[in-house]
Amino acid sequence: MILETERLILRPWQDADRAPFAAIVGDPHVMRFYPNTRDRAAADQWIDKMIAGLDAGTSAFLAAEHKSDGQLVGMIGTARIDMELRGNPREEIGWVLGSRYWGRGYAPEGARAHIDRAWRRGLPELVAFTSVLNTPSQRVMEKIGMSRDQEGDFLHPRVAEDHPLRPHVLYRIANPARS
């Protein structure tokens, strides 16, 4: 699967993406709203998981490549949700971009392409979630038309009980054709 936007190519992962992705997810500033950074081995495992999800049809987290220079911007995509959330939504949308690409509109641009694809597939809604502290991602969620579901806010079950990133917010967007 390949999605194109004005400035991005959203495509399956390649071996050449491994080192630049490891640099992105190894950056403490990029990963400040995750419980930890990833070393090269953990970054490779994350890519392998995304490749397996693409092959199984359970995930569409794609490499986001900048059209003008071929550089890896990060990842943007959707995936099936494997934990309990209010309303039992089927899929989430998310992104992780290298810090040099922040503030340029790449996350909303790539997310909109995935939202369009989700609607073409007939999905009734998408959700996104992040730490209460992650206001930059919450702004992206709002830019792409998502609304916060305060009743759906939750304590992330995979984050330690005493960790400040455990409280999460939940955002939703409904397929306009299904409303």
C-alpha atoms as a PDB file:
ATOM      1  CA  MET A   1       0.000   0.000   0.000  1.00  0.00           C
ATOM      2  CA  ILE A   2       1.265   3.448  -0.916  1.00  0.00           C
ATOM      3  CA  LEU A   3      -0.465   6.737  -0.144  1.00  0.00           C
ATOM      4  CA  GLU A   4       0.722  10.041  -1.567  1.00  0.00           C
ATOM      5  CA  THR A   5       0.116  13.553  -0.378  1.00  0.00           C
ATOM      6  CA  GLU A   6       1.417  16.834  -1.683  1.00  0.00           C
ATOM      7  CA  ARG A   7       4.756  16.424   0.123  1.00  0.00           C
ATOM      8  CA  LEU A   8       4.857  12.851   1.419  1.00  0.00           C
ATOM      9  CA  ILE A   9       4.968   9.285   0.197  1.00  0.00           C
ATOM     10  CA  LEU A  10       3.504   6.928   2.800  1.00  0.00           C
ATOM     11  CA  ARG A  11       4.849   3.507   1.927  1.00  0.00           C
ATOM     12  CA  PRO A  12       5.842   0.096   3.279  1.00  0.00           C
ATOM     13  CA  TRP A  13       9.025  -0.113   5.302  1.00  0.00           C
ATOM     14  CA  GLN A  14      12.396  -0.821   3.672  1.00  0.00           C
ATOM     15  CA  ASP A  15      15.679  -1.959   5.203  1.00  0.00           C
ATOM     16  CA  ALA A  16      17.134   1.471   4.397  1.00  0.00           C
ATOM     17  CA  ASP A  17      14.616   2.961   6.874  1.00  0.00           C
ATOM     18  CA  ARG A  18      16.055   1.121   9.862  1.00  0.00           C
ATOM     19  CA  ALA A  19      18.924   3.454  10.775  1.00  0.00           C
ATOM     20  CA  PRO A  20      17.003   6.724  10.285  1.00  0.00           C
ATOM     21  CA  PHE A  21      14.000   5.325  12.203  1.00  0.00           C
ATOM     22  CA  ALA A  22      16.296   4.251  15.038  1.00  0.00           C
ATOM     23  CA  ALA A  23      17.674   7.800  15.156  1.00  0.00           C
ATOM     24  CA  ILE A  24      14.125   9.213  15.369  1.00  0.00           C
ATOM     25  CA  VAL A  25      12.889   6.887  18.121  1.00  0.00           C
ATOM     26  CA  GLY A  26      16.220   7.051  19.930  1.00  0.00           C
ATOM     27  CA  ASP A  27      15.876  10.824  20.336  1.00  0.00           C
ATOM     28  CA  PRO A  28      14.784  11.621  23.906  1.00  0.00           C
ATOM     29  CA  HIS A  29      13.013  14.796  22.772  1.00  0.00           C
ATOM     30  CA  VAL A  30      10.967  12.959  20.126  1.00  0.00           C
ATOM     31  CA  MET A  31      10.078  10.194  22.580  1.00  0.00           C
ATOM     32  CA  ARG A  32       9.406  12.381  25.613  1.00  0.00           C
ATOM     33  CA  PHE A  33       5.732  11.327  25.654  1.00  0.00           C
ATOM     34  CA  TYR A  34       6.613   7.619  25.505  1.00  0.00           C
ATOM     35  CA  PRO A  35       7.865   5.754  28.580  1.00  0.00           C
ATOM     36  CA  ASN A  36      11.290   5.290  26.951  1.00  0.00           C
ATOM     37  CA  THR A  37      13.388   5.763  23.853  1.00  0.00           C
ATOM     38  CA  ARG A  38      14.258   2.843  21.581  1.00  0.00           C
ATOM     39  CA  ASP A  39      17.740   1.594  20.804  1.00  0.00           C
ATOM     40  CA  ARG A  40      18.525   0.165  17.361  1.00  0.00           C
ATOM     41  CA  ALA A  41      17.373  -3.357  18.266  1.00  0.00           C
ATOM     42  CA  ALA A  42      14.060  -2.080  19.665  1.00  0.00           C
ATOM     43  CA  ALA A  43      13.575   0.220  16.659  1.00  0.00           C
ATOM     44  CA  ASP A  44      14.154  -2.750  14.332  1.00  0.00           C
ATOM     45  CA  GLN A  45      11.603  -4.783  16.325  1.00  0.00           C
ATOM     46  CA  TRP A  46       9.100  -1.931  15.976  1.00  0.00           C
ATOM     47  CA  ILE A  47       9.624  -1.850  12.191  1.00  0.00           C
ATOM     48  CA  ASP A  48       9.320  -5.659  12.052  1.00  0.00           C
ATOM     49  CA  LYS A  49       6.029  -5.413  13.979  1.00  0.00           C
ATOM     50  CA  MET A  50       4.730  -2.790  11.528  1.00  0.00           C
ATOM     51  CA  ILE A  51       5.767  -4.936   8.539  1.00  0.00           C
ATOM     52  CA  ALA A  52       4.006  -7.958  10.081  1.00  0.00           C
ATOM     53  CA  GLY A  53       0.909  -5.828  10.685  1.00  0.00           C
ATOM     54  CA  LEU A  54       0.880  -4.703   7.057  1.00  0.00           C
ATOM     55  CA  ASP A  55       1.222  -8.320   5.920  1.00  0.00           C
ATOM     56  CA  ALA A  56      -1.570  -9.478   8.268  1.00  0.00           C
ATOM     57  CA  GLY A  57      -3.849  -6.548   7.483  1.00  0.00           C
ATOM     58  CA  THR A  58      -3.964  -5.446  11.134  1.00  0.00           C
ATOM     59  CA  SER A  59      -1.844  -2.329  10.773  1.00  0.00           C
ATOM     60  CA  ALA A  60      -1.118   0.348   8.216  1.00  0.00           C
ATOM     61  CA  PHE A  61       1.652   2.214   9.988  1.00  0.00           C
ATOM     62  CA  LEU A  62       3.731   3.291   7.028  1.00  0.00           C
ATOM     63  CA  ALA A  63       7.088   4.940   6.563  1.00  0.00           C
ATOM     64  CA  ALA A  64       6.593   8.625   5.793  1.00  0.00           C
ATOM     65  CA  GLU A  65       9.098   9.726   3.178  1.00  0.00           C
ATOM     66  CA  HIS A  66       9.644  13.329   2.122  1.00  0.00           C
ATOM     67  CA  LYS A  67       8.987  13.531  -1.627  1.00  0.00           C
ATOM     68  CA  SER A  68      11.541  16.212  -2.395  1.00  0.00           C
ATOM     69  CA  ASP A  69      14.601  14.492  -0.931  1.00  0.00           C
ATOM     70  CA  GLY A  70      13.585  10.909  -0.070  1.00  0.00           C
ATOM     71  CA  GLN A  71      14.385  11.386   3.632  1.00  0.00           C
ATOM     72  CA  LEU A  72      12.470   9.396   6.239  1.00  0.00           C
ATOM     73  CA  VAL A  73      10.218  11.842   8.102  1.00  0.00           C
ATOM     74  CA  GLY A  74       8.884   9.198  10.497  1.00  0.00           C
ATOM     75  CA  MET A  75       5.832   6.968  10.630  1.00  0.00           C
ATOM     76  CA  ILE A  76       2.147   7.711  10.179  1.00  0.00           C
ATOM     77  CA  GLY A  77      -0.659   5.214  10.075  1.00  0.00           C
ATOM     78  CA  THR A  78      -3.527   3.252  11.500  1.00  0.00           C
ATOM     79  CA  ALA A  79      -3.774  -0.015  13.400  1.00  0.00           C
ATOM     80  CA  ARG A  80      -6.314  -2.246  15.073  1.00  0.00           C
ATOM     81  CA  ILE A  81      -6.744  -1.516  18.747  1.00  0.00           C
ATOM     82  CA  ASP A  82      -5.801  -4.345  21.074  1.00  0.00           C
ATOM     83  CA  MET A  83      -7.042  -2.945  24.381  1.00  0.00           C
ATOM     84  CA  GLU A  84     -10.318  -1.843  25.934  1.00  0.00           C
ATOM     85  CA  LEU A  85     -11.409   1.706  25.082  1.00  0.00           C
ATOM     86  CA  ARG A  86     -14.773   3.401  25.516  1.00  0.00           C
ATOM     87  CA  GLY A  87     -17.076   2.478  22.650  1.00  0.00           C
ATOM     88  CA  ASN A  88     -14.777  -0.341  21.479  1.00  0.00           C
ATOM     89  CA  PRO A  89     -13.338   1.495  18.459  1.00  0.00           C
ATOM     90  CA  ARG A  90     -11.681  -0.774  15.916  1.00  0.00           C
ATOM     91  CA  GLU A  91      -8.715   1.325  14.786  1.00  0.00           C
ATOM     92  CA  GLU A  92      -6.431   4.083  15.938  1.00  0.00           C
ATOM     93  CA  ILE A  93      -4.433   6.631  13.995  1.00  0.00           C
ATOM     94  CA  GLY A  94      -1.020   7.869  15.076  1.00  0.00           C
ATOM     95  CA  TRP A  95       2.336   9.294  14.101  1.00  0.00           C
ATOM     96  CA  VAL A  96       5.931   9.721  15.240  1.00  0.00           C
ATOM     97  CA  LEU A  97       8.054  12.208  13.308  1.00  0.00           C
ATOM     98  CA  GLY A  98      11.656  13.280  13.554  1.00  0.00           C
ATOM     99  CA  SER A  99      11.939  16.620  15.352  1.00  0.00           C
ATOM    100  CA  ARG A 100      13.377  18.410  12.323  1.00  0.00           C
ATOM    101  CA  TYR A 101      10.003  17.852  10.607  1.00  0.00           C
ATOM    102  CA  TRP A 102       7.837  19.225  13.412  1.00  0.00           C
ATOM    103  CA  GLY A 103       5.741  22.329  12.907  1.00  0.00           C
ATOM    104  CA  ARG A 104       5.562  21.931   9.118  1.00  0.00           C
ATOM    105  CA  GLY A 105       2.176  20.217   8.874  1.00  0.00           C
ATOM    106  CA  TYR A 106       3.497  16.776   7.906  1.00  0.00           C
ATOM    107  CA  ALA A 107       1.631  14.875  10.651  1.00  0.00           C
ATOM    108  CA  PRO A 108      -1.796  16.316   9.725  1.00  0.00           C
ATOM    109  CA  GLU A 109      -1.048  15.905   6.004  1.00  0.00           C
ATOM    110  CA  GLY A 110      -0.160  12.232   6.337  1.00  0.00           C
ATOM    111  CA  ALA A 111      -2.933  11.562   8.845  1.00  0.00           C
ATOM    112  CA  ARG A 112      -5.551  12.999   6.486  1.00  0.00           C
ATOM    113  CA  ALA A 113      -4.438  10.540   3.776  1.00  0.00           C
ATOM    114  CA  HIS A 114      -4.925   7.661   6.224  1.00  0.00           C
ATOM    115  CA  ILE A 115      -8.309   9.035   7.310  1.00  0.00           C
ATOM    116  CA  ASP A 116      -9.437   9.179   3.668  1.00  0.00           C
ATOM    117  CA  ARG A 117      -8.337   5.574   3.233  1.00  0.00           C
ATOM    118  CA  ALA A 118     -10.187   4.524   6.403  1.00  0.00           C
ATOM    119  CA  TRP A 119     -13.397   6.113   5.105  1.00  0.00           C
ATOM    120  CA  ARG A 120     -12.978   4.385   1.713  1.00  0.00           C
ATOM    121  CA  ARG A 121     -12.701   1.105   3.619  1.00  0.00           C
ATOM    122  CA  GLY A 122     -16.000   1.915   5.344  1.00  0.00           C
ATOM    123  CA  LEU A 123     -14.588   2.274   8.837  1.00  0.00           C
ATOM    124  CA  PRO A 124     -17.165   4.023  11.057  1.00  0.00           C
ATOM    125  CA  GLU A 125     -14.616   5.978  13.097  1.00  0.00           C
ATOM    126  CA  LEU A 126     -10.986   6.381  14.051  1.00  0.00           C
ATOM    127  CA  VAL A 127      -9.588   7.243  17.440  1.00  0.00           C
ATOM    128  CA  ALA A 128      -6.272   8.575  18.627  1.00  0.00           C
ATOM    129  CA  PHE A 129      -4.869   8.623  22.111  1.00  0.00           C
ATOM    130  CA  THR A 130      -1.845  10.023  23.845  1.00  0.00           C
ATOM    131  CA  SER A 131      -0.595  11.115  27.230  1.00  0.00           C
ATOM    132  CA  VAL A 132      -2.470  14.005  28.803  1.00  0.00           C
ATOM    133  CA  LEU A 133       0.899  15.800  28.738  1.00  0.00           C
ATOM    134  CA  ASN A 134       1.329  15.462  24.957  1.00  0.00           C
ATOM    135  CA  THR A 135      -0.325  18.684  23.840  1.00  0.00           C
ATOM    136  CA  PRO A 136       1.538  18.791  20.477  1.00  0.00           C
ATOM    137  CA  SER A 137      -0.128  15.539  19.355  1.00  0.00           C
ATOM    138  CA  GLN A 138      -3.453  16.709  20.738  1.00  0.00           C
ATOM    139  CA  ARG A 139      -3.159  19.807  18.523  1.00  0.00           C
ATOM    140  CA  VAL A 140      -2.576  17.559  15.507  1.00  0.00           C
ATOM    141  CA  MET A 141      -5.664  15.523  16.454  1.00  0.00           C
ATOM    142  CA  GLU A 142      -7.710  18.712  16.530  1.00  0.00           C
ATOM    143  CA  LYS A 143      -6.240  19.927  13.207  1.00  0.00           C
ATOM    144  CA  ILE A 144      -7.407  16.739  11.492  1.00  0.00           C
ATOM    145  CA  GLY A 145     -10.941  17.177  12.817  1.00  0.00           C
ATOM    146  CA  MET A 146     -10.864  14.913  15.849  1.00  0.00           C
ATOM    147  CA  SER A 147     -12.715  15.784  19.048  1.00  0.00           C
ATOM    148  CA  ARG A 148     -11.758  14.819  22.557  1.00  0.00           C
ATOM    149  CA  ASP A 149     -13.939  12.228  24.232  1.00  0.00           C
ATOM    150  CA  GLN A 150     -13.362  13.196  27.860  1.00  0.00           C
ATOM    151  CA  GLU A 151     -15.472  10.286  29.067  1.00  0.00           C
ATOM    152  CA  GLY A 152     -13.058   8.009  27.191  1.00  0.00           C
ATOM    153  CA  ASP A 153      -9.885   9.315  28.870  1.00  0.00           C
ATOM    154  CA  PHE A 154      -8.087   6.406  30.530  1.00  0.00           C
ATOM    155  CA  LEU A 155      -5.047   5.123  32.371  1.00  0.00           C
ATOM    156  CA  HIS A 156      -2.922   3.330  29.782  1.00  0.00           C
ATOM    157  CA  PRO A 157      -2.636  -0.307  30.863  1.00  0.00           C
ATOM    158  CA  ARG A 158       0.878  -0.672  29.394  1.00  0.00           C
ATOM    159  CA  VAL A 159       2.328   2.278  31.288  1.00  0.00           C
ATOM    160  CA  ALA A 160       3.482   1.790  34.881  1.00  0.00           C
ATOM    161  CA  GLU A 161       0.940   2.837  37.514  1.00  0.00           C
ATOM    162  CA  ASP A 162       3.156   5.538  38.992  1.00  0.00           C
ATOM    163  CA  HIS A 163       4.389   6.904  35.648  1.00  0.00           C
ATOM    164  CA  PRO A 164       3.386  10.511  34.786  1.00  0.00           C
ATOM    165  CA  LEU A 165       2.564   9.433  31.194  1.00  0.00           C
ATOM    166  CA  ARG A 166      -0.057   6.889  32.275  1.00  0.00           C
ATOM    167  CA  PRO A 167      -3.118   9.223  32.097  1.00  0.00           C
ATOM    168  CA  HIS A 168      -4.247   9.330  28.450  1.00  0.00           C
ATOM    169  CA  VAL A 169      -6.736  11.378  26.470  1.00  0.00           C
ATOM    170  CA  LEU A 170      -8.960   9.866  23.777  1.00  0.00           C
ATOM    171  CA  TYR A 171      -9.908  11.660  20.561  1.00  0.00           C
ATOM    172  CA  ARG A 172     -12.415  10.509  17.928  1.00  0.00           C
ATOM    173  CA  ILE A 173     -13.435  11.279  14.372  1.00  0.00           C
ATOM    174  CA  ALA A 174     -16.509   9.739  12.740  1.00  0.00           C
ATOM    175  CA  ASN A 175     -16.816   8.770   9.108  1.00  0.00           C
ATOM    176  CA  PRO A 176     -19.068  11.495   7.659  1.00  0.00           C
ATOM    177  CA  ALA A 177     -20.656   9.006   5.248  1.00  0.00           C
ATOM    178  CA  ARG A 178     -21.789   6.836   8.189  1.00  0.00           C
ATOM    179  CA  SER A 179     -23.271   9.617  10.323  1.00  0.00           C
END
